[in-house]
Amino acid sequence: MDISIEKVDMVVERTGVSYSKAKEALEKSQGDVVDAIIYIESSSKTFTENLSNRGEEIFDKIKESIKKGNVTKIIIKKDGEIIMNIPITAGAIGTVLSPEIALLGVSAALFSKCSFEIVKEDGEIVNLNETIEK
């Protein structure tokens, strides 16, 4: 198996991954550049699909909680710091007017490793990320 810097450069140029990822893909594909590129592309699609699916799950949980009517606000946090504090009426209106944009926003927040919390009327805080993982 011959893995040269030229092959690594070709994979990096085509896919935009790091040199270590390109080398790893070449090793898994026995030094074949085309197979390495295909390997990287297929693994990146899986990541995006997983992110999209998780975003849909959180979005569905938010909609389900809103329908139950015992939610007062949605909090989005990153590294323990509150990024957004959305009153439920504003969140519901935004979701009804443009569910695709709301889902895109949830997916983007997940990508940047944000956590979602729902605050219920009785003061209980439900972390949606933990609920989805279970």
Protein backbone atom coordinates (compact mmCIF):
# COMPACT_ATOMS: atom_id res chain seq x y z
CA MET A 1 0.00 0.00 0.00
CA ASP A 2 1.58 3.23 -1.19
CA ILE A 3 0.38 6.42 0.53
CA SER A 4 2.32 9.41 -0.71
CA ILE A 5 2.00 13.09 0.14
CA GLU A 6 0.70 13.65 -3.41
CA LYS A 7 -2.20 11.27 -2.80
CA VAL A 8 -2.94 12.92 0.55
CA ASP A 9 -2.85 16.34 -1.15
CA MET A 10 -5.30 15.17 -3.83
CA VAL A 11 -7.76 13.89 -1.22
CA VAL A 12 -7.44 17.09 0.86
CA GLU A 13 -7.91 19.25 -2.25
CA ARG A 14 -11.04 17.36 -3.35
CA THR A 15 -12.72 16.99 0.05
CA GLY A 16 -11.41 19.80 2.23
CA VAL A 17 -10.65 17.48 5.17
CA SER A 18 -7.51 17.64 7.29
CA TYR A 19 -4.34 15.81 6.30
CA SER A 20 -4.85 13.26 9.08
CA LYS A 21 -8.40 12.49 7.89
CA ALA A 22 -7.17 12.18 4.31
CA LYS A 23 -4.37 9.82 5.35
CA GLU A 24 -6.81 7.76 7.44
CA ALA A 25 -9.20 7.48 4.48
CA LEU A 26 -6.35 6.44 2.19
CA GLU A 27 -5.29 3.77 4.66
CA LYS A 28 -8.83 2.41 4.85
CA SER A 29 -9.06 2.36 1.07
CA GLN A 30 -5.69 0.62 0.54
CA GLY A 31 -4.12 3.77 -0.95
CA ASP A 32 -6.78 4.28 -3.64
CA VAL A 33 -7.52 8.01 -3.99
CA VAL A 34 -11.00 7.60 -5.50
CA ASP A 35 -12.08 5.15 -2.81
CA ALA A 36 -10.70 7.48 -0.12
CA ILE A 37 -12.74 10.38 -1.49
CA ILE A 38 -15.86 8.21 -1.63
CA TYR A 39 -15.21 7.04 1.94
CA ILE A 40 -14.94 10.65 3.19
CA GLU A 41 -18.07 11.76 1.31
CA SER A 42 -20.15 8.85 2.61
CA SER A 43 -19.05 9.42 6.22
CA SER A 44 -19.84 13.15 6.01
CA LYS A 45 -23.35 12.41 4.68
CA THR A 46 -23.97 10.15 7.64
CA PHE A 47 -22.97 12.96 10.01
CA THR A 48 -25.31 15.44 8.33
CA GLU A 49 -28.15 12.96 8.25
CA ASN A 50 -27.67 12.22 11.95
CA LEU A 51 -27.64 15.93 12.76
CA SER A 52 -30.78 16.48 10.71
CA ASN A 53 -32.56 13.56 12.37
CA ARG A 54 -31.63 14.78 15.84
CA GLY A 55 -32.81 18.29 14.93
CA GLU A 56 -36.14 16.88 13.81
CA GLU A 57 -36.49 14.92 17.07
CA ILE A 58 -35.88 18.02 19.20
CA PHE A 59 -38.18 20.08 17.00
CA ASP A 60 -40.91 17.44 17.39
CA LYS A 61 -40.43 17.38 21.19
CA ILE A 62 -40.79 21.16 21.29
CA LYS A 63 -43.98 21.01 19.20
CA GLU A 64 -45.35 18.19 21.37
CA SER A 65 -44.68 20.17 24.55
CA ILE A 66 -46.29 23.28 23.09
CA LYS A 67 -49.42 21.28 22.20
CA LYS A 68 -49.68 20.04 25.79
CA GLY A 69 -49.84 23.69 26.82
CA ASN A 70 -47.72 23.55 29.96
CA VAL A 71 -44.62 25.28 28.57
CA THR A 72 -43.78 28.91 29.25
CA LYS A 73 -40.46 29.34 27.43
CA ILE A 74 -37.67 27.64 25.51
CA ILE A 75 -34.05 28.30 26.50
CA ILE A 76 -31.09 27.66 24.20
CA LYS A 77 -27.71 27.43 25.96
CA LYS A 78 -24.14 26.97 24.87
CA ASP A 79 -21.46 26.08 27.40
CA GLY A 80 -23.90 26.83 30.23
CA GLU A 81 -24.54 30.37 28.99
CA ILE A 82 -28.01 31.39 27.80
CA ILE A 83 -27.95 32.35 24.11
CA MET A 84 -31.71 32.68 23.56
CA ASN A 85 -34.66 32.83 25.90
CA ILE A 86 -37.77 32.49 23.75
CA PRO A 87 -41.26 33.04 25.19
CA ILE A 88 -43.51 30.23 24.03
CA THR A 89 -45.88 32.51 22.14
CA ALA A 90 -43.04 33.85 19.96
CA GLY A 91 -41.69 30.35 19.39
CA ALA A 92 -45.11 29.02 18.44
CA ILE A 93 -45.78 31.86 16.01
CA GLY A 94 -42.37 31.39 14.36
CA THR A 95 -42.88 27.64 14.09
CA VAL A 96 -46.32 28.02 12.54
CA LEU A 97 -45.24 30.69 10.05
CA SER A 98 -42.10 28.91 8.90
CA PRO A 99 -41.47 25.40 10.22
CA GLU A 100 -38.62 24.81 7.76
CA ILE A 101 -36.65 27.79 9.06
CA ALA A 102 -37.36 26.75 12.64
CA LEU A 103 -36.04 23.25 11.92
CA LEU A 104 -32.98 24.71 10.22
CA GLY A 105 -32.35 26.89 13.28
CA VAL A 106 -32.62 23.89 15.60
CA SER A 107 -30.21 21.90 13.42
CA ALA A 108 -27.73 24.79 13.32
CA ALA A 109 -27.90 25.15 17.09
CA LEU A 110 -27.28 21.42 17.48
CA PHE A 111 -24.31 21.65 15.13
CA SER A 112 -22.78 24.32 17.35
CA LYS A 113 -23.38 22.04 20.38
CA CYS A 114 -26.16 24.06 21.97
CA SER A 115 -28.58 22.56 24.46
CA PHE A 116 -32.34 23.06 24.48
CA GLU A 117 -34.40 23.42 27.65
CA ILE A 118 -38.13 23.77 28.08
CA VAL A 119 -39.42 25.59 31.14
CA LYS A 120 -42.83 24.35 32.23
CA GLU A 121 -45.49 26.37 34.06
CA ASP A 122 -44.66 24.67 37.37
CA GLY A 123 -40.99 25.75 37.03
CA GLU A 124 -39.69 22.32 35.99
CA ILE A 125 -36.85 22.51 33.45
CA VAL A 126 -36.61 19.70 30.88
CA ASN A 127 -33.35 19.31 28.96
CA LEU A 128 -34.41 18.12 25.50
CA ASN A 129 -30.91 16.98 24.50
CA GLU A 130 -30.84 14.51 27.41
CA THR A 131 -34.40 13.37 26.67
CA ILE A 132 -33.55 12.67 23.01
CA GLU A 133 -30.38 10.77 23.93
CA LYS A 134 -32.41 8.42 26.15
